[in-house]
Each structure stands twice: as structure tokens, then as C-alpha cells.
PDB file of all heavy atoms in Angstrom:
ATOM      1  N   ALA A   1      99.208 -59.889 -69.838  1.00  0.00           N
ATOM      2  CA  ALA A   1     100.243 -59.494 -70.795  1.00  0.00           C
ATOM      3  C   ALA A   1     101.532 -60.271 -70.592  1.00  0.00           C
ATOM      4  O   ALA A   1     102.166 -60.715 -71.548  1.00  0.00           O
ATOM      5  CB  ALA A   1     100.512 -57.989 -70.675  1.00  0.00           C
ATOM      6  N   LEU A   2     101.938 -60.444 -69.349  1.00  0.00           N
ATOM      7  CA  LEU A   2     103.206 -61.108 -69.083  1.00  0.00           C
ATOM      8  C   LEU A   2     103.136 -62.588 -69.437  1.00  0.00           C
ATOM      9  O   LEU A   2     104.088 -63.162 -69.954  1.00  0.00           O
ATOM     10  CB  LEU A   2     103.578 -60.921 -67.609  1.00  0.00           C
ATOM     11  CG  LEU A   2     103.640 -59.453 -67.174  1.00  0.00           C
ATOM     12  CD1 LEU A   2     103.904 -59.344 -65.684  1.00  0.00           C
ATOM     13  CD2 LEU A   2     104.698 -58.707 -67.950  1.00  0.00           C
ATOM     14  N   GLN A   3     101.996 -63.208 -69.174  1.00  0.00           N
ATOM     15  CA  GLN A   3     101.815 -64.606 -69.558  1.00  0.00           C
ATOM     16  C   GLN A   3     101.883 -64.750 -71.081  1.00  0.00           C
ATOM     17  O   GLN A   3     102.530 -65.651 -71.609  1.00  0.00           O
ATOM     18  CB  GLN A   3     100.463 -65.094 -69.054  1.00  0.00           C
ATOM     19  CG  GLN A   3     100.084 -66.502 -69.532  1.00  0.00           C
ATOM     20  CD  GLN A   3     100.882 -67.574 -68.847  1.00  0.00           C
ATOM     21  OE1 GLN A   3     101.059 -67.542 -67.648  1.00  0.00           O
ATOM     22  NE2 GLN A   3     101.386 -68.525 -69.600  1.00  0.00           N
ATOM     23  N   LYS A   4     101.219 -63.819 -71.790  1.00  0.00           N
ATOM     24  CA  LYS A   4     101.190 -63.901 -73.250  1.00  0.00           C
ATOM     25  C   LYS A   4     102.582 -63.700 -73.831  1.00  0.00           C
ATOM     26  O   LYS A   4     102.947 -64.307 -74.839  1.00  0.00           O
ATOM     27  CB  LYS A   4     100.236 -62.829 -73.801  1.00  0.00           C
ATOM     28  CG  LYS A   4      98.786 -62.989 -73.343  1.00  0.00           C
ATOM     29  CD  LYS A   4      98.071 -64.048 -74.134  1.00  0.00           C
ATOM     30  CE  LYS A   4      96.647 -64.258 -73.627  1.00  0.00           C
ATOM     31  NZ  LYS A   4      95.814 -63.077 -73.651  1.00  0.00           N
ATOM     32  N   LEU A   5     103.362 -62.828 -73.228  1.00  0.00           N
ATOM     33  CA  LEU A   5     104.737 -62.637 -73.702  1.00  0.00           C
ATOM     34  C   LEU A   5     105.535 -63.923 -73.575  1.00  0.00           C
ATOM     35  O   LEU A   5     106.288 -64.299 -74.475  1.00  0.00           O
ATOM     36  CB  LEU A   5     105.408 -61.516 -72.902  1.00  0.00           C
ATOM     37  CG  LEU A   5     105.147 -60.094 -73.376  1.00  0.00           C
ATOM     38  CD1 LEU A   5     105.586 -59.100 -72.313  1.00  0.00           C
ATOM     39  CD2 LEU A   5     105.862 -59.813 -74.679  1.00  0.00           C
ATOM     40  N   ALA A   6     105.375 -64.595 -72.457  1.00  0.00           N
ATOM     41  CA  ALA A   6     106.109 -65.838 -72.237  1.00  0.00           C
ATOM     42  C   ALA A   6     105.718 -66.890 -73.261  1.00  0.00           C
ATOM     43  O   ALA A   6     106.545 -67.687 -73.708  1.00  0.00           O
ATOM     44  CB  ALA A   6     105.845 -66.356 -70.827  1.00  0.00           C
ATOM     45  N   GLU A   7     104.448 -66.872 -73.673  1.00  0.00           N
ATOM     46  CA  GLU A   7     103.959 -67.882 -74.600  1.00  0.00           C
ATOM     47  C   GLU A   7     104.425 -67.657 -76.032  1.00  0.00           C
ATOM     48  O   GLU A   7     104.190 -68.494 -76.900  1.00  0.00           O
ATOM     49  CB  GLU A   7     102.426 -67.915 -74.560  1.00  0.00           C
ATOM     50  CG  GLU A   7     101.885 -68.468 -73.246  1.00  0.00           C
ATOM     51  CD  GLU A   7     100.382 -68.332 -73.120  1.00  0.00           C
ATOM     52  OE1 GLU A   7      99.775 -67.699 -74.010  1.00  0.00           O
ATOM     53  OE2 GLU A   7      99.825 -68.847 -72.137  1.00  0.00           O
ATOM     54  N   LEU A   8     105.078 -66.526 -76.297  1.00  0.00           N
ATOM     55  CA  LEU A   8     105.589 -66.279 -77.652  1.00  0.00           C
ATOM     56  C   LEU A   8     106.712 -67.244 -78.027  1.00  0.00           C
ATOM     57  O   LEU A   8     106.983 -67.452 -79.201  1.00  0.00           O
ATOM     58  CB  LEU A   8     106.116 -64.844 -77.767  1.00  0.00           C
ATOM     59  CG  LEU A   8     105.081 -63.743 -77.946  1.00  0.00           C
ATOM     60  CD1 LEU A   8     105.768 -62.396 -77.956  1.00  0.00           C
ATOM     61  CD2 LEU A   8     104.288 -63.934 -79.224  1.00  0.00           C
ATOM     62  N   LEU A   9     107.370 -67.772 -77.033  1.00  0.00           N
ATOM     63  CA  LEU A   9     108.517 -68.635 -77.297  1.00  0.00           C
ATOM     64  C   LEU A   9     108.087 -70.091 -77.370  1.00  0.00           C
ATOM     65  O   LEU A   9     107.198 -70.522 -76.647  1.00  0.00           O
ATOM     66  CB  LEU A   9     109.572 -68.450 -76.202  1.00  0.00           C
ATOM     67  CG  LEU A   9     110.064 -67.016 -76.020  1.00  0.00           C
ATOM     68  CD1 LEU A   9     111.061 -66.950 -74.874  1.00  0.00           C
ATOM     69  CD2 LEU A   9     110.702 -66.499 -77.294  1.00  0.00           C
ATOM     70  N   PRO A  10     108.712 -70.884 -78.241  1.00  0.00           N
ATOM     71  CA  PRO A  10     108.338 -72.304 -78.386  1.00  0.00           C
ATOM     72  C   PRO A  10     108.747 -73.118 -77.165  1.00  0.00           C
ATOM     73  O   PRO A  10     109.650 -72.743 -76.420  1.00  0.00           O
ATOM     74  CB  PRO A  10     109.119 -72.736 -79.631  1.00  0.00           C
ATOM     75  CG  PRO A  10     110.307 -71.836 -79.653  1.00  0.00           C
ATOM     76  CD  PRO A  10     109.820 -70.507 -79.140  1.00  0.00           C
ATOM     77  N   GLU A  11     108.082 -74.239 -76.974  1.00  0.00           N
ATOM     78  CA  GLU A  11     108.404 -75.097 -75.832  1.00  0.00           C
ATOM     79  C   GLU A  11     109.685 -75.885 -76.071  1.00  0.00           C
ATOM     80  O   GLU A  11     110.473 -76.110 -75.161  1.00  0.00           O
ATOM     81  CB  GLU A  11     107.247 -76.063 -75.560  1.00  0.00           C
ATOM     82  CG  GLU A  11     106.016 -75.389 -74.988  1.00  0.00           C
ATOM     83  CD  GLU A  11     104.983 -76.406 -74.541  1.00  0.00           C
ATOM     84  OE1 GLU A  11     105.384 -77.496 -74.100  1.00  0.00           O
ATOM     85  OE2 GLU A  11     103.794 -76.114 -74.648  1.00  0.00           O
ATOM     86  N   THR A  12     109.879 -76.345 -77.313  1.00  0.00           N
ATOM     87  CA  THR A  12     111.073 -77.138 -77.635  1.00  0.00           C
ATOM     88  C   THR A  12     111.840 -76.497 -78.783  1.00  0.00           C
ATOM     89  O   THR A  12     111.265 -75.757 -79.593  1.00  0.00           O
ATOM     90  CB  THR A  12     110.691 -78.573 -78.027  1.00  0.00           C
ATOM     91  OG1 THR A  12     109.810 -78.542 -79.164  1.00  0.00           O
ATOM     92  CG2 THR A  12     109.995 -79.279 -76.880  1.00  0.00           C
ATOM     93  N   VAL A  13     113.131 -76.779 -78.838  1.00  0.00           N
ATOM     94  CA  VAL A  13     113.987 -76.240 -79.893  1.00  0.00           C
ATOM     95  C   VAL A  13     114.883 -77.353 -80.431  1.00  0.00           C
ATOM     96  O   VAL A  13     115.024 -78.417 -79.814  1.00  0.00           O
ATOM     97  CB  VAL A  13     114.865 -75.082 -79.366  1.00  0.00           C
ATOM     98  CG1 VAL A  13     114.012 -73.936 -78.888  1.00  0.00           C
ATOM     99  CG2 VAL A  13     115.774 -75.566 -78.235  1.00  0.00           C
ATOM    100  N   LYS A  14     115.475 -77.084 -81.595  1.00  0.00           N
ATOM    101  CA  LYS A  14     116.418 -78.021 -82.200  1.00  0.00           C
ATOM    102  C   LYS A  14     117.837 -77.530 -81.942  1.00  0.00           C
ATOM    103  O   LYS A  14     118.224 -76.448 -82.407  1.00  0.00           O
ATOM    104  CB  LYS A  14     116.171 -78.121 -83.709  1.00  0.00           C
ATOM    105  CG  LYS A  14     114.810 -78.676 -84.097  1.00  0.00           C
ATOM    106  CD  LYS A  14     114.698 -80.163 -83.787  1.00  0.00           C
ATOM    107  CE  LYS A  14     113.368 -80.726 -84.291  1.00  0.00           C
ATOM    108  NZ  LYS A  14     113.224 -82.157 -83.950  1.00  0.00           N
ATOM    109  N   ARG A  15     118.602 -78.319 -81.181  1.00  0.00           N
ATOM    110  CA  ARG A  15     119.981 -77.943 -80.882  1.00  0.00           C
ATOM    111  C   ARG A  15     120.938 -78.805 -81.709  1.00  0.00           C
ATOM    112  O   ARG A  15     120.734 -80.004 -81.869  1.00  0.00           O
ATOM    113  CB  ARG A  15     120.271 -78.123 -79.389  1.00  0.00           C
ATOM    114  CG  ARG A  15     121.689 -77.703 -78.994  1.00  0.00           C
ATOM    115  CD  ARG A  15     121.857 -77.595 -77.491  1.00  0.00           C
ATOM    116  NE  ARG A  15     121.695 -78.882 -76.826  1.00  0.00           N
ATOM    117  CZ  ARG A  15     121.711 -79.030 -75.494  1.00  0.00           C
ATOM    118  NH1 ARG A  15     121.856 -77.959 -74.718  1.00  0.00           N
ATOM    119  NH2 ARG A  15     121.538 -80.220 -74.954  1.00  0.00           N
ATOM    120  N   LEU A  16     121.991 -78.161 -82.215  1.00  0.00           N
ATOM    121  CA  LEU A  16     123.000 -78.873 -83.002  1.00  0.00           C
ATOM    122  C   LEU A  16     124.019 -79.531 -82.078  1.00  0.00           C
ATOM    123  O   LEU A  16     124.564 -78.882 -81.176  1.00  0.00           O
ATOM    124  CB  LEU A  16     123.713 -77.896 -83.943  1.00  0.00           C
ATOM    125  CG  LEU A  16     122.972 -77.497 -85.225  1.00  0.00           C
ATOM    126  CD1 LEU A  16     123.745 -76.412 -85.951  1.00  0.00           C
ATOM    127  CD2 LEU A  16     122.773 -78.693 -86.136  1.00  0.00           C
ATOM    128  N   LYS A  17     124.262 -80.808 -82.308  1.00  0.00           N
ATOM    129  CA  LYS A  17     125.284 -81.518 -81.534  1.00  0.00           C
ATOM    130  C   LYS A  17     126.633 -81.367 -82.227  1.00  0.00           C
ATOM    131  O   LYS A  17     126.724 -80.881 -83.356  1.00  0.00           O
ATOM    132  CB  LYS A  17     124.894 -82.994 -81.415  1.00  0.00           C
ATOM    133  CG  LYS A  17     123.562 -83.181 -80.686  1.00  0.00           C
ATOM    134  CD  LYS A  17     123.002 -84.581 -80.851  1.00  0.00           C
ATOM    135  CE  LYS A  17     123.761 -85.586 -80.013  1.00  0.00           C
ATOM    136  NZ  LYS A  17     123.119 -86.941 -80.082  1.00  0.00           N
ATOM    137  N   LYS A  18     127.674 -81.756 -81.558  1.00  0.00           N
ATOM    138  CA  LYS A  18     129.026 -81.597 -82.105  1.00  0.00           C
ATOM    139  C   LYS A  18     129.227 -82.369 -83.403  1.00  0.00           C
ATOM    140  O   LYS A  18     130.004 -81.969 -84.264  1.00  0.00           O
ATOM    141  CB  LYS A  18     130.060 -82.034 -81.065  1.00  0.00           C
ATOM    142  CG  LYS A  18     130.163 -81.076 -79.886  1.00  0.00           C
ATOM    143  CD  LYS A  18     131.255 -81.494 -78.913  1.00  0.00           C
ATOM    144  CE  LYS A  18     131.352 -80.507 -77.747  1.00  0.00           C
ATOM    145  NZ  LYS A  18     132.418 -80.896 -76.783  1.00  0.00           N
ATOM    146  N   ASP A  19     128.497 -83.496 -83.562  1.00  0.00           N
ATOM    147  CA  ASP A  19     128.654 -84.289 -84.784  1.00  0.00           C
ATOM    148  C   ASP A  19     127.790 -83.773 -85.928  1.00  0.00           C
ATOM    149  O   ASP A  19     127.721 -84.378 -86.997  1.00  0.00           O
ATOM    150  CB  ASP A  19     128.329 -85.759 -84.505  1.00  0.00           C
ATOM    151  CG  ASP A  19     126.887 -85.941 -84.011  1.00  0.00           C
ATOM    152  OD1 ASP A  19     126.127 -84.946 -83.986  1.00  0.00           O
ATOM    153  OD2 ASP A  19     126.524 -87.083 -83.647  1.00  0.00           O
ATOM    154  N   GLY A  20     127.104 -82.651 -85.708  1.00  0.00           N
ATOM    155  CA  GLY A  20     126.294 -82.046 -86.761  1.00  0.00           C
ATOM    156  C   GLY A  20     124.844 -82.479 -86.762  1.00  0.00           C
ATOM    157  O   GLY A  20     124.026 -81.910 -87.492  1.00  0.00           O
ATOM    158  N   SER A  21     124.492 -83.470 -85.959  1.00  0.00           N
ATOM    159  CA  SER A  21     123.102 -83.919 -85.898  1.00  0.00           C
ATOM    160  C   SER A  21     122.285 -82.991 -84.995  1.00  0.00           C
ATOM    161  O   SER A  21     122.834 -82.172 -84.258  1.00  0.00           O
ATOM    162  CB  SER A  21     123.035 -85.353 -85.371  1.00  0.00           C
ATOM    163  OG  SER A  21     123.576 -85.423 -84.059  1.00  0.00           O
ATOM    164  N   GLU A  22     120.968 -83.155 -85.058  1.00  0.00           N
ATOM    165  CA  GLU A  22     120.068 -82.305 -84.278  1.00  0.00           C
ATOM    166  C   GLU A  22     119.432 -83.099 -83.149  1.00  0.00           C
ATOM    167  O   GLU A  22     119.217 -84.306 -83.264  1.00  0.00           O
ATOM    168  CB  GLU A  22     118.954 -81.736 -85.170  1.00  0.00           C
ATOM    169  CG  GLU A  22     119.453 -80.859 -86.295  1.00  0.00           C
ATOM    170  CD  GLU A  22     118.309 -80.392 -87.196  1.00  0.00           C
ATOM    171  OE1 GLU A  22     117.137 -80.570 -86.799  1.00  0.00           O
ATOM    172  OE2 GLU A  22     118.589 -79.885 -88.285  1.00  0.00           O
ATOM    173  N   GLU A  23     119.129 -82.407 -82.053  1.00  0.00           N
ATOM    174  CA  GLU A  23     118.397 -83.012 -80.949  1.00  0.00           C
ATOM    175  C   GLU A  23     117.338 -82.038 -80.459  1.00  0.00           C
ATOM    176  O   GLU A  23     117.537 -80.822 -80.450  1.00  0.00           O
ATOM    177  CB  GLU A  23     119.346 -83.379 -79.808  1.00  0.00           C
ATOM    178  CG  GLU A  23     120.083 -82.193 -79.200  1.00  0.00           C
ATOM    179  CD  GLU A  23     120.927 -82.595 -77.996  1.00  0.00           C
ATOM    180  OE1 GLU A  23     120.693 -83.678 -77.448  1.00  0.00           O
ATOM    181  OE2 GLU A  23     121.819 -81.797 -77.616  1.00  0.00           O
ATOM    182  N   SER A  24     116.186 -82.579 -80.100  1.00  0.00           N
ATOM    183  CA  SER A  24     115.104 -81.745 -79.571  1.00  0.00           C
ATOM    184  C   SER A  24     115.264 -81.611 -78.061  1.00  0.00           C
ATOM    185  O   SER A  24     115.379 -82.615 -77.361  1.00  0.00           O
ATOM    186  CB  SER A  24     113.742 -82.366 -79.890  1.00  0.00           C
ATOM    187  OG  SER A  24     113.481 -82.299 -81.264  1.00  0.00           O
ATOM    188  N   ILE A  25     115.261 -80.373 -77.579  1.00  0.00           N
ATOM    189  CA  ILE A  25     115.378 -80.135 -76.140  1.00  0.00           C
ATOM    190  C   ILE A  25     114.354 -79.084 -75.719  1.00  0.00           C
ATOM    191  O   ILE A  25     113.816 -78.344 -76.545  1.00  0.00           O
ATOM    192  CB  ILE A  25     116.796 -79.652 -75.750  1.00  0.00           C
ATOM    193  CG1 ILE A  25     117.111 -78.316 -76.439  1.00  0.00           C
ATOM    194  CG2 ILE A  25     117.838 -80.709 -76.058  1.00  0.00           C
ATOM    195  CD1 ILE A  25     118.386 -77.662 -75.926  1.00  0.00           C
ATOM    196  N   SER A  26     114.098 -79.043 -74.431  1.00  0.00           N
ATOM    197  CA  SER A  26     113.201 -78.027 -73.892  1.00  0.00           C
ATOM    198  C   SER A  26     113.911 -76.678 -73.912  1.00  0.00           C
ATOM    199  O   SER A  26     115.131 -76.601 -73.773  1.00  0.00           O
ATOM    200  CB  SER A  26     112.808 -78.386 -72.465  1.00  0.00           C
ATOM    201  OG  SER A  26     112.147 -77.300 -71.840  1.00  0.00           O
ATOM    202  N   LEU A  27     113.139 -75.618 -74.065  1.00  0.00           N
ATOM    203  CA  LEU A  27     113.730 -74.285 -74.103  1.00  0.00           C
ATOM    204  C   LEU A  27     114.500 -73.966 -72.828  1.00  0.00           C
ATOM    205  O   LEU A  27     115.510 -73.271 -72.860  1.00  0.00           O
ATOM    206  CB  LEU A  27     112.631 -73.237 -74.332  1.00  0.00           C
ATOM    207  CG  LEU A  27     113.081 -71.789 -74.469  1.00  0.00           C
ATOM    208  CD1 LEU A  27     114.016 -71.601 -75.641  1.00  0.00           C
ATOM    209  CD2 LEU A  27     111.888 -70.852 -74.598  1.00  0.00           C
ATOM    210  N   LYS A  28     114.038 -74.507 -71.695  1.00  0.00           N
ATOM    211  CA  LYS A  28     114.713 -74.209 -70.433  1.00  0.00           C
ATOM    212  C   LYS A  28     116.096 -74.839 -70.347  1.00  0.00           C
ATOM    213  O   LYS A  28     116.902 -74.478 -69.495  1.00  0.00           O
ATOM    214  CB  LYS A  28     113.855 -74.668 -69.252  1.00  0.00           C
ATOM    215  CG  LYS A  28     113.649 -76.157 -69.144  1.00  0.00           C
ATOM    216  CD  LYS A  28     112.731 -76.488 -67.975  1.00  0.00           C
ATOM    217  CE  LYS A  28     112.471 -77.985 -67.880  1.00  0.00           C
ATOM    218  NZ  LYS A  28     111.552 -78.316 -66.782  1.00  0.00           N
ATOM    219  N   GLU A  29     116.388 -75.790 -71.248  1.00  0.00           N
ATOM    220  CA  GLU A  29     117.701 -76.432 -71.251  1.00  0.00           C
ATOM    221  C   GLU A  29     118.722 -75.676 -72.102  1.00  0.00           C
ATOM    222  O   GLU A  29     119.898 -76.021 -72.118  1.00  0.00           O
ATOM    223  CB  GLU A  29     117.587 -77.870 -71.772  1.00  0.00           C
ATOM    224  CG  GLU A  29     116.703 -78.773 -70.922  1.00  0.00           C
ATOM    225  CD  GLU A  29     116.579 -80.161 -71.511  1.00  0.00           C
ATOM    226  OE1 GLU A  29     117.623 -80.829 -71.676  1.00  0.00           O
ATOM    227  OE2 GLU A  29     115.445 -80.574 -71.829  1.00  0.00           O
ATOM    228  N   VAL A  30     118.252 -74.656 -72.813  1.00  0.00           N
ATOM    229  CA  VAL A  30     119.144 -73.906 -73.703  1.00  0.00           C
ATOM    230  C   VAL A  30     120.088 -73.035 -72.886  1.00  0.00           C
ATOM    231  O   VAL A  30     119.671 -72.346 -71.945  1.00  0.00           O
ATOM    232  CB  VAL A  30     118.325 -73.032 -74.679  1.00  0.00           C
ATOM    233  CG1 VAL A  30     119.242 -72.115 -75.487  1.00  0.00           C
ATOM    234  CG2 VAL A  30     117.509 -73.909 -75.609  1.00  0.00           C
ATOM    235  N   ASN A  31     121.344 -73.026 -73.272  1.00  0.00           N
ATOM    236  CA  ASN A  31     122.356 -72.210 -72.605  1.00  0.00           C
ATOM    237  C   ASN A  31     123.012 -71.265 -73.600  1.00  0.00           C
ATOM    238  O   ASN A  31     122.943 -71.480 -74.820  1.00  0.00           O
ATOM    239  CB  ASN A  31     123.439 -73.104 -71.977  1.00  0.00           C
ATOM    240  CG  ASN A  31     122.883 -74.020 -70.910  1.00  0.00           C
ATOM    241  OD1 ASN A  31     122.167 -73.582 -70.020  1.00  0.00           O
ATOM    242  ND2 ASN A  31     123.201 -75.310 -71.001  1.00  0.00           N
ATOM    243  N   GLU A  32     123.632 -70.234 -73.080  1.00  0.00           N
ATOM    244  CA  GLU A  32     124.383 -69.320 -73.941  1.00  0.00           C
ATOM    245  C   GLU A  32     125.472 -70.099 -74.668  1.00  0.00           C
ATOM    246  O   GLU A  32     126.134 -70.957 -74.085  1.00  0.00           O
ATOM    247  CB  GLU A  32     125.012 -68.208 -73.114  1.00  0.00           C
ATOM    248  CG  GLU A  32     124.003 -67.306 -72.441  1.00  0.00           C
ATOM    249  CD  GLU A  32     124.659 -66.448 -71.377  1.00  0.00           C
ATOM    250  OE1 GLU A  32     125.841 -66.103 -71.579  1.00  0.00           O
ATOM    251  OE2 GLU A  32     124.016 -66.145 -70.366  1.00  0.00           O
ATOM    252  N   GLY A  33     125.639 -69.782 -75.946  1.00  0.00           N
ATOM    253  CA  GLY A  33     126.663 -70.446 -76.733  1.00  0.00           C
ATOM    254  C   GLY A  33     126.164 -71.669 -77.476  1.00  0.00           C
ATOM    255  O   GLY A  33     126.858 -72.183 -78.372  1.00  0.00           O
ATOM    256  N   ASP A  34     124.944 -72.156 -77.159  1.00  0.00           N
ATOM    257  CA  ASP A  34     124.383 -73.287 -77.896  1.00  0.00           C
ATOM    258  C   ASP A  34     124.071 -72.876 -79.325  1.00  0.00           C
ATOM    259  O   ASP A  34     123.718 -71.715 -79.593  1.00  0.00           O
ATOM    260  CB  ASP A  34     123.098 -73.786 -77.225  1.00  0.00           C
ATOM    261  CG  ASP A  34     123.364 -74.592 -75.968  1.00  0.00           C
ATOM    262  OD1 ASP A  34     124.550 -74.908 -75.720  1.00  0.00           O
ATOM    263  OD2 ASP A  34     122.403 -74.903 -75.247  1.00  0.00           O
ATOM    264  N   ASP A  35     124.184 -73.836 -80.242  1.00  0.00           N
ATOM    265  CA  ASP A  35     123.822 -73.603 -81.637  1.00  0.00           C
ATOM    266  C   ASP A  35     122.462 -74.243 -81.901  1.00  0.00           C
ATOM    267  O   ASP A  35     122.263 -75.437 -81.641  1.00  0.00           O
ATOM    268  CB  ASP A  35     124.868 -74.194 -82.585  1.00  0.00           C
ATOM    269  CG  ASP A  35     126.212 -73.478 -82.480  1.00  0.00           C
ATOM    270  OD1 ASP A  35     126.211 -72.314 -82.027  1.00  0.00           O
ATOM    271  OD2 ASP A  35     127.248 -74.072 -82.850  1.00  0.00           O
ATOM    272  N   LEU A  36     121.529 -73.443 -82.401  1.00  0.00           N
ATOM    273  CA  LEU A  36     120.166 -73.916 -82.653  1.00  0.00           C
ATOM    274  C   LEU A  36     119.821 -73.814 -84.130  1.00  0.00           C
ATOM    275  O   LEU A  36     120.364 -72.968 -84.842  1.00  0.00           O
ATOM    276  CB  LEU A  36     119.155 -73.097 -81.844  1.00  0.00           C
ATOM    277  CG  LEU A  36     119.393 -72.954 -80.336  1.00  0.00           C
ATOM    278  CD1 LEU A  36     118.302 -72.080 -79.723  1.00  0.00           C
ATOM    279  CD2 LEU A  36     119.441 -74.312 -79.659  1.00  0.00           C
ATOM    280  N   VAL A  37     118.897 -74.666 -84.563  1.00  0.00           N
ATOM    281  CA  VAL A  37     118.395 -74.624 -85.935  1.00  0.00           C
ATOM    282  C   VAL A  37     116.992 -74.032 -85.904  1.00  0.00           C
ATOM    283  O   VAL A  37     116.135 -74.475 -85.136  1.00  0.00           O
ATOM    284  CB  VAL A  37     118.353 -76.033 -86.561  1.00  0.00           C
ATOM    285  CG1 VAL A  37     117.756 -75.973 -87.967  1.00  0.00           C
ATOM    286  CG2 VAL A  37     119.747 -76.640 -86.604  1.00  0.00           C
ATOM    287  N   VAL A  38     116.754 -73.024 -86.755  1.00  0.00           N
ATOM    288  CA  VAL A  38     115.435 -72.399 -86.843  1.00  0.00           C
ATOM    289  C   VAL A  38     114.972 -72.492 -88.291  1.00  0.00           C
ATOM    290  O   VAL A  38     115.599 -71.918 -89.187  1.00  0.00           O
ATOM    291  CB  VAL A  38     115.459 -70.925 -86.394  1.00  0.00           C
ATOM    292  CG1 VAL A  38     114.044 -70.360 -86.368  1.00  0.00           C
ATOM    293  CG2 VAL A  38     116.113 -70.779 -85.022  1.00  0.00           C
ATOM    294  N   ARG A  39     113.907 -73.215 -88.519  1.00  0.00           N
ATOM    295  CA  ARG A  39     113.415 -73.428 -89.884  1.00  0.00           C
ATOM    296  C   ARG A  39     112.439 -72.332 -90.302  1.00  0.00           C
ATOM    297  O   ARG A  39     111.921 -71.586 -89.478  1.00  0.00           O
ATOM    298  CB  ARG A  39     112.767 -74.810 -89.998  1.00  0.00           C
ATOM    299  CG  ARG A  39     113.786 -75.932 -89.880  1.00  0.00           C
ATOM    300  CD  ARG A  39     113.186 -77.307 -90.139  1.00  0.00           C
ATOM    301  NE  ARG A  39     114.264 -78.276 -90.325  1.00  0.00           N
ATOM    302  CZ  ARG A  39     114.950 -78.837 -89.342  1.00  0.00           C
ATOM    303  NH1 ARG A  39     114.671 -78.520 -88.104  1.00  0.00           N
ATOM    304  NH2 ARG A  39     115.912 -79.699 -89.591  1.00  0.00           N
TER     305      ARG A  39
END
């Protein structure tokens, strides 16, 4: 169950940079306050 819960989250996400462009990063690199794009 715990493994399956962890797998609900994607491996990579789209983070918004200050200039408005997007960058792909690993989920483990996400920090509080980051702006992400979810399609």
C-alpha cells in the first residue's frame, strides 16, 4: 500500500522560471513556494 501511494505522484514536473518559461525537474527537486504547471 505504501509503495502504491508513493507511485501516485509523477516523476517529473513542469516548474515556471522567473522569465515565464517552463523547465522539467524531478519531483524531489520541488520546494515550497515553487510555481508549477499542471495540464
